[in-house]
Amino acid sequence: MSRRIDKSWVVFDSIENDEHNRCVDLFQRPDGSFGFEEFRRDVEDAGAWTPVAYHSGAAYPSKDGALGAARIAVTWLAEMQRMRRRES
């Protein structure tokens, strides 16, 4: 499990970019709140996922709330999802 994701939190979705070097994990905490964190993976780090920002400290009341906040905070995620909608 990646750093900044507490072991008691349940990751219910992990979204990678097309290059597989960026990822957003969406999770639920035991108290019922939701959150997200962004990670990067670089060759210099031996392929380990490294946190990019401190998004995991914020809490949202729903999965959709966490995903919406992630789309605002993580520009590549919003752009990737826009492009995929256009393709379908």
Protein backbone atom coordinates (compact mmCIF):
# COMPACT_ATOMS: atom_id res chain seq x y z
CA MET A 1 0.00 0.00 0.00
CA SER A 2 1.22 3.49 -0.83
CA ARG A 3 2.42 5.95 1.74
CA ARG A 4 -0.22 8.45 2.98
CA ILE A 5 -2.97 5.85 2.70
CA ASP A 6 -3.66 4.58 6.20
CA LYS A 7 -3.97 0.80 6.47
CA SER A 8 -7.46 1.18 7.92
CA TRP A 9 -8.68 3.02 4.80
CA VAL A 10 -10.19 0.98 1.97
CA VAL A 11 -9.06 1.96 -1.53
CA PHE A 12 -12.07 1.38 -3.80
CA ASP A 13 -10.64 2.80 -7.02
CA SER A 14 -7.17 3.48 -8.38
CA ILE A 15 -7.06 5.49 -11.61
CA GLU A 16 -3.81 5.56 -13.60
CA ASN A 17 -2.94 7.82 -16.49
CA ASP A 18 -2.18 6.34 -19.91
CA GLU A 19 1.59 6.46 -19.25
CA HIS A 20 1.12 4.51 -15.97
CA ASN A 21 3.31 6.98 -14.09
CA ARG A 22 0.55 8.89 -12.26
CA CYS A 23 -2.27 7.51 -10.15
CA VAL A 24 -5.15 8.74 -8.01
CA ASP A 25 -6.39 6.46 -5.24
CA LEU A 26 -9.94 6.99 -3.98
CA PHE A 27 -10.61 5.56 -0.53
CA GLN A 28 -13.09 5.32 2.33
CA ARG A 29 -12.14 5.75 5.98
CA PRO A 30 -13.63 3.71 8.86
CA ASP A 31 -15.67 6.77 9.91
CA GLY A 32 -17.50 6.66 6.55
CA SER A 33 -15.78 9.68 5.01
CA PHE A 34 -14.05 9.51 1.63
CA GLY A 35 -10.82 10.94 0.28
CA PHE A 36 -8.18 10.71 -2.43
CA GLU A 37 -4.45 10.98 -2.95
CA GLU A 38 -2.31 11.47 -6.05
CA PHE A 39 0.89 9.49 -6.64
CA ARG A 40 3.68 9.36 -9.18
CA ARG A 41 5.97 6.49 -10.18
CA ASP A 42 9.50 7.25 -11.38
CA VAL A 43 12.41 5.07 -12.43
CA GLU A 44 14.60 6.85 -9.84
CA ASP A 45 12.27 5.57 -7.10
CA ALA A 46 12.56 1.96 -8.31
CA GLY A 47 8.97 2.10 -9.54
CA ALA A 48 7.47 2.79 -6.09
CA TRP A 49 4.38 4.99 -5.91
CA THR A 50 5.31 8.31 -4.27
CA PRO A 51 2.71 10.81 -2.98
CA VAL A 52 2.59 14.04 -4.96
CA ALA A 53 0.48 16.25 -2.69
CA TYR A 54 -1.36 16.18 0.63
CA HIS A 55 -4.89 15.58 -0.65
CA SER A 56 -5.53 12.64 1.70
CA GLY A 57 -6.10 14.97 4.65
CA ALA A 58 -9.39 16.27 3.24
CA ALA A 59 -12.65 14.40 3.90
CA TYR A 60 -15.72 14.19 1.64
CA PRO A 61 -19.19 12.84 2.46
CA SER A 62 -19.45 10.63 -0.65
CA LYS A 63 -17.50 8.78 -3.33
CA ASP A 64 -18.74 11.30 -5.88
CA GLY A 65 -17.57 14.16 -3.67
CA ALA A 66 -14.05 12.71 -3.44
CA LEU A 67 -13.92 12.04 -7.19
CA GLY A 68 -15.19 15.54 -7.99
CA ALA A 69 -12.54 17.10 -5.74
CA ALA A 70 -9.87 14.91 -7.35
CA ARG A 71 -10.92 16.08 -10.82
CA ILE A 72 -10.50 19.70 -9.70
CA ALA A 73 -7.18 19.18 -7.91
CA VAL A 74 -5.50 16.76 -10.34
CA THR A 75 -5.45 18.35 -13.79
CA TRP A 76 -4.35 15.24 -15.71
CA LEU A 77 -7.28 13.27 -14.25
CA ALA A 78 -9.87 15.76 -15.44
CA GLU A 79 -8.29 15.99 -18.89
CA MET A 80 -8.01 12.21 -19.24
CA GLN A 81 -11.67 11.71 -18.34
CA ARG A 82 -12.76 14.48 -20.75
CA MET A 83 -10.82 12.83 -23.58
CA ARG A 84 -12.29 9.41 -22.84
CA ARG A 85 -15.84 10.83 -22.87
CA ARG A 86 -15.20 12.35 -26.30
CA GLU A 87 -13.89 9.02 -27.62
CA SER A 88 -16.98 7.09 -26.53
